[in-house]
PDB file of N, CA and C in Angstrom:
ATOM      1  N   MET A   1       0.842  -1.179   0.000  1.00  0.00           N
ATOM      2  CA  MET A   1       0.000   0.000   0.000  1.00  0.00           C
ATOM      3  C   MET A   1       0.887   1.242   0.000  1.00  0.00           C
ATOM      4  N   ALA A   2       0.431   2.263  -0.708  1.00  0.00           N
ATOM      5  CA  ALA A   2       1.182   3.512  -0.809  1.00  0.00           C
ATOM      6  C   ALA A   2       1.240   4.224   0.537  1.00  0.00           C
ATOM      7  N   ASN A   3       2.328   4.939   0.751  1.00  0.00           N
ATOM      8  CA  ASN A   3       2.445   5.778   1.933  1.00  0.00           C
ATOM      9  C   ASN A   3       1.896   7.175   1.688  1.00  0.00           C
ATOM     10  N   LEU A   4       2.101   7.681   0.451  1.00  0.00           N
ATOM     11  CA  LEU A   4       1.734   9.062   0.158  1.00  0.00           C
ATOM     12  C   LEU A   4       1.227   9.195  -1.274  1.00  0.00           C
ATOM     13  N   VAL A   5       0.060   9.801  -1.412  1.00  0.00           N
ATOM     14  CA  VAL A   5      -0.490  10.161  -2.716  1.00  0.00           C
ATOM     15  C   VAL A   5      -0.523  11.683  -2.760  1.00  0.00           C
ATOM     16  N   GLU A   6       0.128  12.249  -3.784  1.00  0.00           N
ATOM     17  CA  GLU A   6       0.157  13.703  -3.949  1.00  0.00           C
ATOM     18  C   GLU A   6      -0.551  14.066  -5.247  1.00  0.00           C
ATOM     19  N   VAL A   7      -1.416  15.060  -5.167  1.00  0.00           N
ATOM     20  CA  VAL A   7      -2.157  15.536  -6.327  1.00  0.00           C
ATOM     21  C   VAL A   7      -1.763  16.981  -6.576  1.00  0.00           C
ATOM     22  N   PHE A   8      -1.240  17.248  -7.760  1.00  0.00           N
ATOM     23  CA  PHE A   8      -0.874  18.599  -8.177  1.00  0.00           C
ATOM     24  C   PHE A   8      -1.914  19.048  -9.194  1.00  0.00           C
ATOM     25  N   ASP A   9      -2.869  19.838  -8.711  1.00  0.00           N
ATOM     26  CA  ASP A   9      -4.000  20.283  -9.523  1.00  0.00           C
ATOM     27  C   ASP A   9      -3.610  21.409 -10.466  1.00  0.00           C
ATOM     28  N   PRO A  10      -4.389  21.588 -11.533  1.00  0.00           N
ATOM     29  CA  PRO A  10      -4.234  22.802 -12.342  1.00  0.00           C
ATOM     30  C   PRO A  10      -4.776  23.989 -11.539  1.00  0.00           C
ATOM     31  N   PRO A  11      -4.441  25.207 -11.937  1.00  0.00           N
ATOM     32  CA  PRO A  11      -4.972  26.365 -11.210  1.00  0.00           C
ATOM     33  C   PRO A  11      -6.500  26.374 -11.241  1.00  0.00           C
ATOM     34  N   MET A  12      -7.115  26.528 -10.079  1.00  0.00           N
ATOM     35  CA  MET A  12      -8.568  26.652  -9.965  1.00  0.00           C
ATOM     36  C   MET A  12      -8.879  27.309  -8.637  1.00  0.00           C
ATOM     37  N   CYS A  13     -10.122  27.759  -8.505  1.00  0.00           N
ATOM     38  CA  CYS A  13     -10.469  28.486  -7.277  1.00  0.00           C
ATOM     39  C   CYS A  13     -10.542  27.565  -6.070  1.00  0.00           C
ATOM     40  N   CYS A  14     -10.979  26.305  -6.278  1.00  0.00           N
ATOM     41  CA  CYS A  14     -11.010  25.347  -5.178  1.00  0.00           C
ATOM     42  C   CYS A  14     -10.879  23.940  -5.750  1.00  0.00           C
ATOM     43  N   SER A  15     -10.424  23.015  -4.942  1.00  0.00           N
ATOM     44  CA  SER A  15     -10.177  21.660  -5.436  1.00  0.00           C
ATOM     45  C   SER A  15     -11.414  20.775  -5.404  1.00  0.00           C
ATOM     46  N   SER A  16     -12.471  21.239  -4.756  1.00  0.00           N
ATOM     47  CA  SER A  16     -13.645  20.378  -4.606  1.00  0.00           C
ATOM     48  C   SER A  16     -14.538  20.344  -5.825  1.00  0.00           C
ATOM     49  N   GLY A  17     -14.474  21.376  -6.664  1.00  0.00           N
ATOM     50  CA  GLY A  17     -15.379  21.453  -7.802  1.00  0.00           C
ATOM     51  C   GLY A  17     -16.711  22.059  -7.426  1.00  0.00           C
ATOM     52  N   ALA A  18     -16.900  22.336  -6.146  1.00  0.00           N
ATOM     53  CA  ALA A  18     -18.155  22.918  -5.677  1.00  0.00           C
ATOM     54  C   ALA A  18     -17.921  24.377  -5.287  1.00  0.00           C
ATOM     55  N   CYS A  19     -17.524  25.166  -6.259  1.00  0.00           N
ATOM     56  CA  CYS A  19     -17.233  26.572  -6.009  1.00  0.00           C
ATOM     57  C   CYS A  19     -18.532  27.367  -6.122  1.00  0.00           C
ATOM     58  N   GLY A  20     -18.964  27.935  -5.033  1.00  0.00           N
ATOM     59  CA  GLY A  20     -20.207  28.690  -5.049  1.00  0.00           C
ATOM     60  C   GLY A  20     -21.405  27.767  -4.902  1.00  0.00           C
ATOM     61  N   PRO A  21     -22.584  28.241  -5.277  1.00  0.00           N
ATOM     62  CA  PRO A  21     -23.804  27.468  -5.057  1.00  0.00           C
ATOM     63  C   PRO A  21     -24.011  26.319  -6.035  1.00  0.00           C
ATOM     64  N   LYS A  22     -23.208  26.256  -7.085  1.00  0.00           N
ATOM     65  CA  LYS A  22     -23.410  25.272  -8.140  1.00  0.00           C
ATOM     66  C   LYS A  22     -22.151  24.431  -8.333  1.00  0.00           C
ATOM     67  N   VAL A  23     -22.315  23.138  -8.501  1.00  0.00           N
ATOM     68  CA  VAL A  23     -21.176  22.260  -8.755  1.00  0.00           C
ATOM     69  C   VAL A  23     -20.652  22.539 -10.159  1.00  0.00           C
ATOM     70  N   LEU A  24     -19.370  22.859 -10.265  1.00  0.00           N
ATOM     71  CA  LEU A  24     -18.786  23.185 -11.557  1.00  0.00           C
ATOM     72  C   LEU A  24     -18.414  21.943 -12.360  1.00  0.00           C
ATOM     73  N   ASP A  25     -17.874  20.959 -11.703  1.00  0.00           N
ATOM     74  CA  ASP A  25     -17.385  19.781 -12.408  1.00  0.00           C
ATOM     75  C   ASP A  25     -17.639  18.543 -11.542  1.00  0.00           C
ATOM     76  N   ARG A  26     -18.579  17.727 -11.958  1.00  0.00           N
ATOM     77  CA  ARG A  26     -18.942  16.538 -11.188  1.00  0.00           C
ATOM     78  C   ARG A  26     -17.738  15.605 -11.012  1.00  0.00           C
ATOM     79  N   ARG A  27     -16.861  15.537 -12.006  1.00  0.00           N
ATOM     80  CA  ARG A  27     -15.679  14.672 -11.902  1.00  0.00           C
ATOM     81  C   ARG A  27     -14.778  15.103 -10.745  1.00  0.00           C
ATOM     82  N   LEU A  28     -14.662  16.414 -10.534  1.00  0.00           N
ATOM     83  CA  LEU A  28     -13.868  16.909  -9.406  1.00  0.00           C
ATOM     84  C   LEU A  28     -14.487  16.507  -8.074  1.00  0.00           C
ATOM     85  N   VAL A  29     -15.806  16.563  -7.992  1.00  0.00           N
ATOM     86  CA  VAL A  29     -16.496  16.161  -6.776  1.00  0.00           C
ATOM     87  C   VAL A  29     -16.249  14.679  -6.512  1.00  0.00           C
ATOM     88  N   GLN A  30     -16.356  13.860  -7.553  1.00  0.00           N
ATOM     89  CA  GLN A  30     -16.117  12.422  -7.417  1.00  0.00           C
ATOM     90  C   GLN A  30     -14.665  12.148  -7.029  1.00  0.00           C
ATOM     91  N   PHE A  31     -13.738  12.897  -7.616  1.00  0.00           N
ATOM     92  CA  PHE A  31     -12.321  12.713  -7.297  1.00  0.00           C
ATOM     93  C   PHE A  31     -12.039  13.091  -5.842  1.00  0.00           C
ATOM     94  N   SER A  32     -12.630  14.191  -5.382  1.00  0.00           N
ATOM     95  CA  SER A  32     -12.458  14.596  -3.984  1.00  0.00           C
ATOM     96  C   SER A  32     -12.973  13.512  -3.044  1.00  0.00           C
ATOM     97  N   ALA A  33     -14.114  12.920  -3.382  1.00  0.00           N
ATOM     98  CA  ALA A  33     -14.663  11.827  -2.567  1.00  0.00           C
ATOM     99  C   ALA A  33     -13.733  10.613  -2.592  1.00  0.00           C
ATOM    100  N   ALA A  34     -13.140  10.329  -3.751  1.00  0.00           N
ATOM    101  CA  ALA A  34     -12.210   9.196  -3.867  1.00  0.00           C
ATOM    102  C   ALA A  34     -10.970   9.432  -3.009  1.00  0.00           C
ATOM    103  N   LEU A  35     -10.487  10.677  -2.947  1.00  0.00           N
ATOM    104  CA  LEU A  35      -9.332  10.984  -2.098  1.00  0.00           C
ATOM    105  C   LEU A  35      -9.684  10.812  -0.623  1.00  0.00           C
ATOM    106  N   GLU A  36     -10.883  11.216  -0.246  1.00  0.00           N
ATOM    107  CA  GLU A  36     -11.323  11.015   1.141  1.00  0.00           C
ATOM    108  C   GLU A  36     -11.399   9.524   1.464  1.00  0.00           C
ATOM    109  N   TRP A  37     -11.864   8.730   0.505  1.00  0.00           N
ATOM    110  CA  TRP A  37     -11.917   7.277   0.686  1.00  0.00           C
ATOM    111  C   TRP A  37     -10.504   6.728   0.899  1.00  0.00           C
ATOM    112  N   LEU A  38      -9.539   7.206   0.092  1.00  0.00           N
ATOM    113  CA  LEU A  38      -8.148   6.763   0.266  1.00  0.00           C
ATOM    114  C   LEU A  38      -7.640   7.098   1.663  1.00  0.00           C
ATOM    115  N   ARG A  39      -7.934   8.311   2.134  1.00  0.00           N
ATOM    116  CA  ARG A  39      -7.519   8.706   3.489  1.00  0.00           C
ATOM    117  C   ARG A  39      -8.112   7.748   4.522  1.00  0.00           C
ATOM    118  N   ALA A  40      -9.371   7.377   4.323  1.00  0.00           N
ATOM    119  CA  ALA A  40     -10.033   6.462   5.265  1.00  0.00           C
ATOM    120  C   ALA A  40      -9.384   5.080   5.257  1.00  0.00           C
ATOM    121  N   GLN A  41      -8.690   4.732   4.171  1.00  0.00           N
ATOM    122  CA  GLN A  41      -7.982   3.458   4.075  1.00  0.00           C
ATOM    123  C   GLN A  41      -6.589   3.534   4.701  1.00  0.00           C
ATOM    124  N   GLY A  42      -6.208   4.720   5.201  1.00  0.00           N
ATOM    125  CA  GLY A  42      -4.921   4.882   5.866  1.00  0.00           C
ATOM    126  C   GLY A  42      -3.818   5.448   4.997  1.00  0.00           C
ATOM    127  N   VAL A  43      -4.165   5.927   3.801  1.00  0.00           N
ATOM    128  CA  VAL A  43      -3.161   6.507   2.903  1.00  0.00           C
ATOM    129  C   VAL A  43      -3.077   8.007   3.173  1.00  0.00           C
ATOM    130  N   GLN A  44      -1.868   8.522   3.299  1.00  0.00           N
ATOM    131  CA  GLN A  44      -1.680   9.965   3.435  1.00  0.00           C
ATOM    132  C   GLN A  44      -1.901  10.597   2.071  1.00  0.00           C
ATOM    133  N   VAL A  45      -2.765  11.590   2.006  1.00  0.00           N
ATOM    134  CA  VAL A  45      -3.095  12.265   0.748  1.00  0.00           C
ATOM    135  C   VAL A  45      -2.811  13.751   0.912  1.00  0.00           C
ATOM    136  N   GLU A  46      -2.067  14.301  -0.025  1.00  0.00           N
ATOM    137  CA  GLU A  46      -1.798  15.739  -0.060  1.00  0.00           C
ATOM    138  C   GLU A  46      -2.252  16.258  -1.415  1.00  0.00           C
ATOM    139  N   ARG A  47      -2.914  17.394  -1.409  1.00  0.00           N
ATOM    140  CA  ARG A  47      -3.419  17.978  -2.652  1.00  0.00           C
ATOM    141  C   ARG A  47      -2.953  19.423  -2.727  1.00  0.00           C
ATOM    142  N   TYR A  48      -2.393  19.795  -3.867  1.00  0.00           N
ATOM    143  CA  TYR A  48      -1.803  21.118  -4.013  1.00  0.00           C
ATOM    144  C   TYR A  48      -2.428  21.867  -5.186  1.00  0.00           C
ATOM    145  N   ASN A  49      -2.730  23.132  -4.950  1.00  0.00           N
ATOM    146  CA  ASN A  49      -3.229  24.030  -5.982  1.00  0.00           C
ATOM    147  C   ASN A  49      -2.153  25.098  -6.174  1.00  0.00           C
ATOM    148  N   PRO A  50      -1.699  25.324  -7.407  1.00  0.00           N
ATOM    149  CA  PRO A  50      -0.605  26.281  -7.594  1.00  0.00           C
ATOM    150  C   PRO A  50      -0.966  27.700  -7.157  1.00  0.00           C
ATOM    151  N   SER A  51      -2.252  28.012  -7.114  1.00  0.00           N
ATOM    152  CA  SER A  51      -2.667  29.346  -6.673  1.00  0.00           C
ATOM    153  C   SER A  51      -2.422  29.545  -5.181  1.00  0.00           C
ATOM    154  N   GLN A  52      -2.528  28.460  -4.401  1.00  0.00           N
ATOM    155  CA  GLN A  52      -2.333  28.570  -2.950  1.00  0.00           C
ATOM    156  C   GLN A  52      -1.051  27.919  -2.443  1.00  0.00           C
ATOM    157  N   GLN A  53      -0.565  26.877  -3.126  1.00  0.00           N
ATOM    158  CA  GLN A  53       0.624  26.150  -2.660  1.00  0.00           C
ATOM    159  C   GLN A  53       1.702  26.104  -3.739  1.00  0.00           C
ATOM    160  N   TYR A  54       2.050  27.254  -4.249  1.00  0.00           N
ATOM    161  CA  TYR A  54       3.050  27.354  -5.319  1.00  0.00           C
ATOM    162  C   TYR A  54       4.367  26.690  -4.916  1.00  0.00           C
ATOM    163  N   GLU A  55       4.745  26.838  -3.664  1.00  0.00           N
ATOM    164  CA  GLU A  55       6.010  26.276  -3.170  1.00  0.00           C
ATOM    165  C   GLU A  55       6.057  24.759  -3.337  1.00  0.00           C
ATOM    166  N   ALA A  56       4.920  24.091  -3.154  1.00  0.00           N
ATOM    167  CA  ALA A  56       4.875  22.630  -3.315  1.00  0.00           C
ATOM    168  C   ALA A  56       5.216  22.233  -4.743  1.00  0.00           C
ATOM    169  N   PHE A  57       4.810  23.045  -5.703  1.00  0.00           N
ATOM    170  CA  PHE A  57       5.095  22.765  -7.102  1.00  0.00           C
ATOM    171  C   PHE A  57       6.575  22.966  -7.415  1.00  0.00           C
ATOM    172  N   ILE A  58       7.109  24.118  -7.037  1.00  0.00           N
ATOM    173  CA  ILE A  58       8.490  24.431  -7.422  1.00  0.00           C
ATOM    174  C   ILE A  58       9.533  23.676  -6.608  1.00  0.00           C
ATOM    175  N   SER A  59       9.125  23.111  -5.467  1.00  0.00           N
ATOM    176  CA  SER A  59      10.096  22.379  -4.654  1.00  0.00           C
ATOM    177  C   SER A  59      10.142  20.889  -5.001  1.00  0.00           C
ATOM    178  N   ASN A  60       9.306  20.446  -5.928  1.00  0.00           N
ATOM    179  CA  ASN A  60       9.288  19.039  -6.318  1.00  0.00           C
ATOM    180  C   ASN A  60       9.885  18.903  -7.717  1.00  0.00           C
ATOM    181  N   ALA A  61      11.073  18.334  -7.806  1.00  0.00           N
ATOM    182  CA  ALA A  61      11.789  18.236  -9.088  1.00  0.00           C
ATOM    183  C   ALA A  61      11.005  17.446 -10.128  1.00  0.00           C
ATOM    184  N   THR A  62      10.305  16.406  -9.717  1.00  0.00           N
ATOM    185  CA  THR A  62       9.514  15.606 -10.655  1.00  0.00           C
ATOM    186  C   THR A  62       8.425  16.459 -11.285  1.00  0.00           C
ATOM    187  N   VAL A  63       7.761  17.254 -10.473  1.00  0.00           N
ATOM    188  CA  VAL A  63       6.687  18.126 -10.959  1.00  0.00           C
ATOM    189  C   VAL A  63       7.257  19.191 -11.886  1.00  0.00           C
ATOM    190  N   VAL A  64       8.337  19.837 -11.476  1.00  0.00           N
ATOM    191  CA  VAL A  64       8.963  20.881 -12.290  1.00  0.00           C
ATOM    192  C   VAL A  64       9.381  20.317 -13.649  1.00  0.00           C
ATOM    193  N   ASN A  65      10.060  19.167 -13.643  1.00  0.00           N
ATOM    194  CA  ASN A  65      10.512  18.569 -14.905  1.00  0.00           C
ATOM    195  C   ASN A  65       9.344  18.197 -15.814  1.00  0.00           C
ATOM    196  N   THR A  66       8.281  17.654 -15.237  1.00  0.00           N
ATOM    197  CA  THR A  66       7.130  17.246 -16.032  1.00  0.00           C
ATOM    198  C   THR A  66       6.437  18.462 -16.638  1.00  0.00           C
ATOM    199  N   ILE A  67       6.244  19.506 -15.857  1.00  0.00           N
ATOM    200  CA  ILE A  67       5.618  20.721 -16.391  1.00  0.00           C
ATOM    201  C   ILE A  67       6.504  21.367 -17.439  1.00  0.00           C
ATOM    202  N   ASN A  68       7.818  21.351 -17.217  1.00  0.00           N
ATOM    203  CA  ASN A  68       8.738  21.942 -18.194  1.00  0.00           C
ATOM    204  C   ASN A  68       8.736  21.190 -19.525  1.00  0.00           C
ATOM    205  N   THR A  69       8.563  19.875 -19.483  1.00  0.00           N
ATOM    206  CA  THR A  69       8.597  19.099 -20.730  1.00  0.00           C
ATOM    207  C   THR A  69       7.225  18.945 -21.375  1.00  0.00           C
ATOM    208  N   GLN A  70       6.157  18.883 -20.572  1.00  0.00           N
ATOM    209  CA  GLN A  70       4.825  18.637 -21.128  1.00  0.00           C
ATOM    210  C   GLN A  70       3.884  19.828 -21.045  1.00  0.00           C
ATOM    211  N   GLY A  71       4.283  20.869 -20.335  1.00  0.00           N
ATOM    212  CA  GLY A  71       3.405  22.011 -20.149  1.00  0.00           C
ATOM    213  C   GLY A  71       2.365  21.727 -19.075  1.00  0.00           C
ATOM    214  N   THR A  72       1.519  22.696 -18.827  1.00  0.00           N
ATOM    215  CA  THR A  72       0.528  22.555 -17.767  1.00  0.00           C
ATOM    216  C   THR A  72      -0.595  21.591 -18.140  1.00  0.00           C
ATOM    217  N   GLU A  73      -0.608  21.110 -19.385  1.00  0.00           N
ATOM    218  CA  GLU A  73      -1.598  20.105 -19.781  1.00  0.00           C
ATOM    219  C   GLU A  73      -1.411  18.800 -19.004  1.00  0.00           C
ATOM    220  N   CYS A  74      -0.251  18.617 -18.377  1.00  0.00           N
ATOM    221  CA  CYS A  74      -0.008  17.406 -17.591  1.00  0.00           C
ATOM    222  C   CYS A  74      -0.762  17.437 -16.267  1.00  0.00           C
ATOM    223  N   LEU A  75      -1.298  18.598 -15.895  1.00  0.00           N
ATOM    224  CA  LEU A  75      -2.035  18.714 -14.638  1.00  0.00           C
ATOM    225  C   LEU A  75      -3.476  18.272 -14.837  1.00  0.00           C
ATOM    226  N   PRO A  76      -4.066  17.573 -13.914  1.00  0.00           N
ATOM    227  CA  PRO A  76      -3.517  17.183 -12.620  1.00  0.00           C
ATOM    228  C   PRO A  76      -2.441  16.104 -12.773  1.00  0.00           C
ATOM    229  N   LEU A  77      -1.430  16.241 -11.977  1.00  0.00           N
ATOM    230  CA  LEU A  77      -0.326  15.295 -11.928  1.00  0.00           C
ATOM    231  C   LEU A  77      -0.423  14.568 -10.598  1.00  0.00           C
ATOM    232  N   ILE A  78      -0.461  13.239 -10.655  1.00  0.00           N
ATOM    233  CA  ILE A  78      -0.631  12.457  -9.437  1.00  0.00           C
ATOM    234  C   ILE A  78       0.600  11.592  -9.212  1.00  0.00           C
ATOM    235  N   LEU A  79       1.185  11.736  -8.021  1.00  0.00           N
ATOM    236  CA  LEU A  79       2.364  10.969  -7.640  1.00  0.00           C
ATOM    237  C   LEU A  79       2.001  10.035  -6.492  1.00  0.00           C
ATOM    238  N   VAL A  80       2.497   8.827  -6.560  1.00  0.00           N
ATOM    239  CA  VAL A  80       2.374   7.881  -5.458  1.00  0.00           C
ATOM    240  C   VAL A  80       3.782   7.565  -4.992  1.00  0.00           C
ATOM    241  N   ASP A  81       4.050   7.903  -3.739  1.00  0.00           N
ATOM    242  CA  ASP A  81       5.391   7.723  -3.163  1.00  0.00           C
ATOM    243  C   ASP A  81       6.469   8.304  -4.076  1.00  0.00           C
ATOM    244  N   GLY A  82       6.179   9.487  -4.642  1.00  0.00           N
ATOM    245  CA  GLY A  82       7.154  10.214  -5.450  1.00  0.00           C
ATOM    246  C   GLY A  82       7.211   9.851  -6.915  1.00  0.00           C
ATOM    247  N   GLU A  83       6.474   8.832  -7.342  1.00  0.00           N
ATOM    248  CA  GLU A  83       6.488   8.389  -8.741  1.00  0.00           C
ATOM    249  C   GLU A  83       5.193   8.811  -9.434  1.00  0.00           C
ATOM    250  N   ILE A  84       5.312   9.304 -10.671  1.00  0.00           N
ATOM    251  CA  ILE A  84       4.130   9.697 -11.433  1.00  0.00           C
ATOM    252  C   ILE A  84       3.315   8.454 -11.779  1.00  0.00           C
ATOM    253  N   VAL A  85       2.018   8.490 -11.443  1.00  0.00           N
ATOM    254  CA  VAL A  85       1.121   7.384 -11.776  1.00  0.00           C
ATOM    255  C   VAL A  85      -0.004   7.824 -12.704  1.00  0.00           C
ATOM    256  N   SER A  86      -0.225   9.132 -12.814  1.00  0.00           N
ATOM    257  CA  SER A  86      -1.301   9.637 -13.658  1.00  0.00           C
ATOM    258  C   SER A  86      -1.036  11.102 -13.966  1.00  0.00           C
ATOM    259  N   TYR A  87      -1.443  11.520 -15.169  1.00  0.00           N
ATOM    260  CA  TYR A  87      -1.353  12.940 -15.487  1.00  0.00           C
ATOM    261  C   TYR A  87      -2.389  13.303 -16.546  1.00  0.00           C
ATOM    262  N   GLY A  88      -2.830  14.550 -16.474  1.00  0.00           N
ATOM    263  CA  GLY A  88      -3.737  15.079 -17.485  1.00  0.00           C
ATOM    264  C   GLY A  88      -5.215  14.835 -17.265  1.00  0.00           C
ATOM    265  N   SER A  89      -5.580  13.998 -16.289  1.00  0.00           N
ATOM    266  CA  SER A  89      -6.992  13.760 -16.000  1.00  0.00           C
ATOM    267  C   SER A  89      -7.130  13.224 -14.578  1.00  0.00           C
ATOM    268  N   TYR A  90      -8.360  13.275 -14.086  1.00  0.00           N
ATOM    269  CA  TYR A  90      -8.631  12.777 -12.745  1.00  0.00           C
ATOM    270  C   TYR A  90      -9.083  11.322 -12.811  1.00  0.00           C
ATOM    271  N   PRO A  91      -8.350  10.420 -12.173  1.00  0.00           N
ATOM    272  CA  PRO A  91      -8.740   9.007 -12.182  1.00  0.00           C
ATOM    273  C   PRO A  91      -9.955   8.741 -11.299  1.00  0.00           C
ATOM    274  N   SER A  92     -10.620   7.626 -11.562  1.00  0.00           N
ATOM    275  CA  SER A  92     -11.751   7.188 -10.757  1.00  0.00           C
ATOM    276  C   SER A  92     -11.246   6.621  -9.428  1.00  0.00           C
ATOM    277  N   GLN A  93     -12.171   6.344  -8.519  1.00  0.00           N
ATOM    278  CA  GLN A  93     -11.802   5.722  -7.249  1.00  0.00           C
ATOM    279  C   GLN A  93     -11.148   4.371  -7.495  1.00  0.00           C
ATOM    280  N   GLU A  94     -11.697   3.609  -8.438  1.00  0.00           N
ATOM    281  CA  GLU A  94     -11.141   2.289  -8.741  1.00  0.00           C
ATOM    282  C   GLU A  94      -9.706   2.413  -9.256  1.00  0.00           C
ATOM    283  N   GLU A  95      -9.468   3.394 -10.127  1.00  0.00           N
ATOM    284  CA  GLU A  95      -8.111   3.604 -10.647  1.00  0.00           C
ATOM    285  C   GLU A  95      -7.164   4.062  -9.540  1.00  0.00           C
ATOM    286  N   LEU A  96      -7.635   4.960  -8.693  1.00  0.00           N
ATOM    287  CA  LEU A  96      -6.812   5.415  -7.557  1.00  0.00           C
ATOM    288  C   LEU A  96      -6.458   4.265  -6.625  1.00  0.00           C
ATOM    289  N   ALA A  97      -7.415   3.383  -6.387  1.00  0.00           N
ATOM    290  CA  ALA A  97      -7.168   2.234  -5.506  1.00  0.00           C
ATOM    291  C   ALA A  97      -6.030   1.389  -6.065  1.00  0.00           C
ATOM    292  N   VAL A  98      -6.052   1.136  -7.357  1.00  0.00           N
ATOM    293  CA  VAL A  98      -4.984   0.347  -7.985  1.00  0.00           C
ATOM    294  C   VAL A  98      -3.650   1.086  -7.875  1.00  0.00           C
ATOM    295  N   MET A  99      -3.653   2.378  -8.187  1.00  0.00           N
ATOM    296  CA  MET A  99      -2.422   3.167  -8.131  1.00  0.00           C
ATOM    297  C   MET A  99      -1.813   3.175  -6.738  1.00  0.00           C
ATOM    298  N   ALA A 100      -2.670   3.227  -5.718  1.00  0.00           N
ATOM    299  CA  ALA A 100      -2.192   3.309  -4.335  1.00  0.00           C
ATOM    300  C   ALA A 100      -2.016   1.938  -3.685  1.00  0.00           C
ATOM    301  N   GLY A 101      -2.384   0.876  -4.415  1.00  0.00           N
ATOM    302  CA  GLY A 101      -2.231  -0.469  -3.871  1.00  0.00           C
ATOM    303  C   GLY A 101      -3.209  -0.769  -2.749  1.00  0.00           C
ATOM    304  N   VAL A 102      -4.405  -0.200  -2.845  1.00  0.00           N
ATOM    305  CA  VAL A 102      -5.444  -0.398  -1.836  1.00  0.00           C
ATOM    306  C   VAL A 102      -6.567  -1.203  -2.467  1.00  0.00           C
ATOM    307  N   GLN A 103      -7.081  -2.175  -1.725  1.00  0.00           N
ATOM    308  CA  GLN A 103      -8.184  -2.948  -2.260  1.00  0.00           C
ATOM    309  C   GLN A 103      -9.448  -2.100  -2.207  1.00  0.00           C
ATOM    310  N   ASN A 104     -10.112  -1.997  -3.338  1.00  0.00           N
ATOM    311  CA  ASN A 104     -11.335  -1.202  -3.453  1.00  0.00           C
ATOM    312  C   ASN A 104     -12.496  -2.005  -2.865  1.00  0.00           C
ATOM    313  N   GLU A 105     -13.441  -1.298  -2.243  1.00  0.00           N
ATOM    314  CA  GLU A 105     -14.612  -1.953  -1.664  1.00  0.00           C
ATOM    315  C   GLU A 105     -15.354  -2.817  -2.681  1.00  0.00           C
ATOM    316  N   LYS A 106     -15.479  -2.313  -3.904  1.00  0.00           N
ATOM    317  CA  LYS A 106     -16.201  -3.062  -4.930  1.00  0.00           C
ATOM    318  C   LYS A 106     -15.493  -4.387  -5.229  1.00  0.00           C
ATOM    319  N   GLU A 107     -14.151  -4.372  -5.235  1.00  0.00           N
ATOM    320  CA  GLU A 107     -13.391  -5.602  -5.483  1.00  0.00           C
ATOM    321  C   GLU A 107     -13.515  -6.548  -4.305  1.00  0.00           C
ATOM    322  N   ALA A 108     -13.531  -5.993  -3.099  1.00  0.00           N
ATOM    323  CA  ALA A 108     -13.598  -6.817  -1.894  1.00  0.00           C
ATOM    324  C   ALA A 108     -14.934  -7.553  -1.802  1.00  0.00           C
ATOM    325  N   ASN A 109     -15.987  -6.944  -2.337  1.00  0.00           N
ATOM    326  CA  ASN A 109     -17.311  -7.545  -2.281  1.00  0.00           C
ATOM    327  C   ASN A 109     -17.615  -8.443  -3.477  1.00  0.00           C
ATOM    328  N   ALA A 110     -16.697  -8.529  -4.426  1.00  0.00           N
ATOM    329  CA  ALA A 110     -16.937  -9.325  -5.643  1.00  0.00           C
ATOM    330  C   ALA A 110     -16.725 -10.799  -5.389  1.00  0.00           C
TER     331      ALA A 110
END
């Protein structure tokens, strides 16, 4: 099982997708719920927005190199224990479970 999952989001006003009275992006809401599920499984999850946590971006060589070579289209960039496991889109809970080495509830009940 992973020790640390880090999410480097593209610039946005909030990471939840629920900015203001209306949900902007249902996928963001689902992704936020999937991250909470990972936390409940005992995985440390850190999420960074360049608008608020710029230092997290520039202090991570993997993130800097990836953005320098692929541009900001690589965001969201997801690292598990320092290794890139996903970029350019938000994975589902099932995909996150595989990336983090956590058994998903749906698999456990199958």
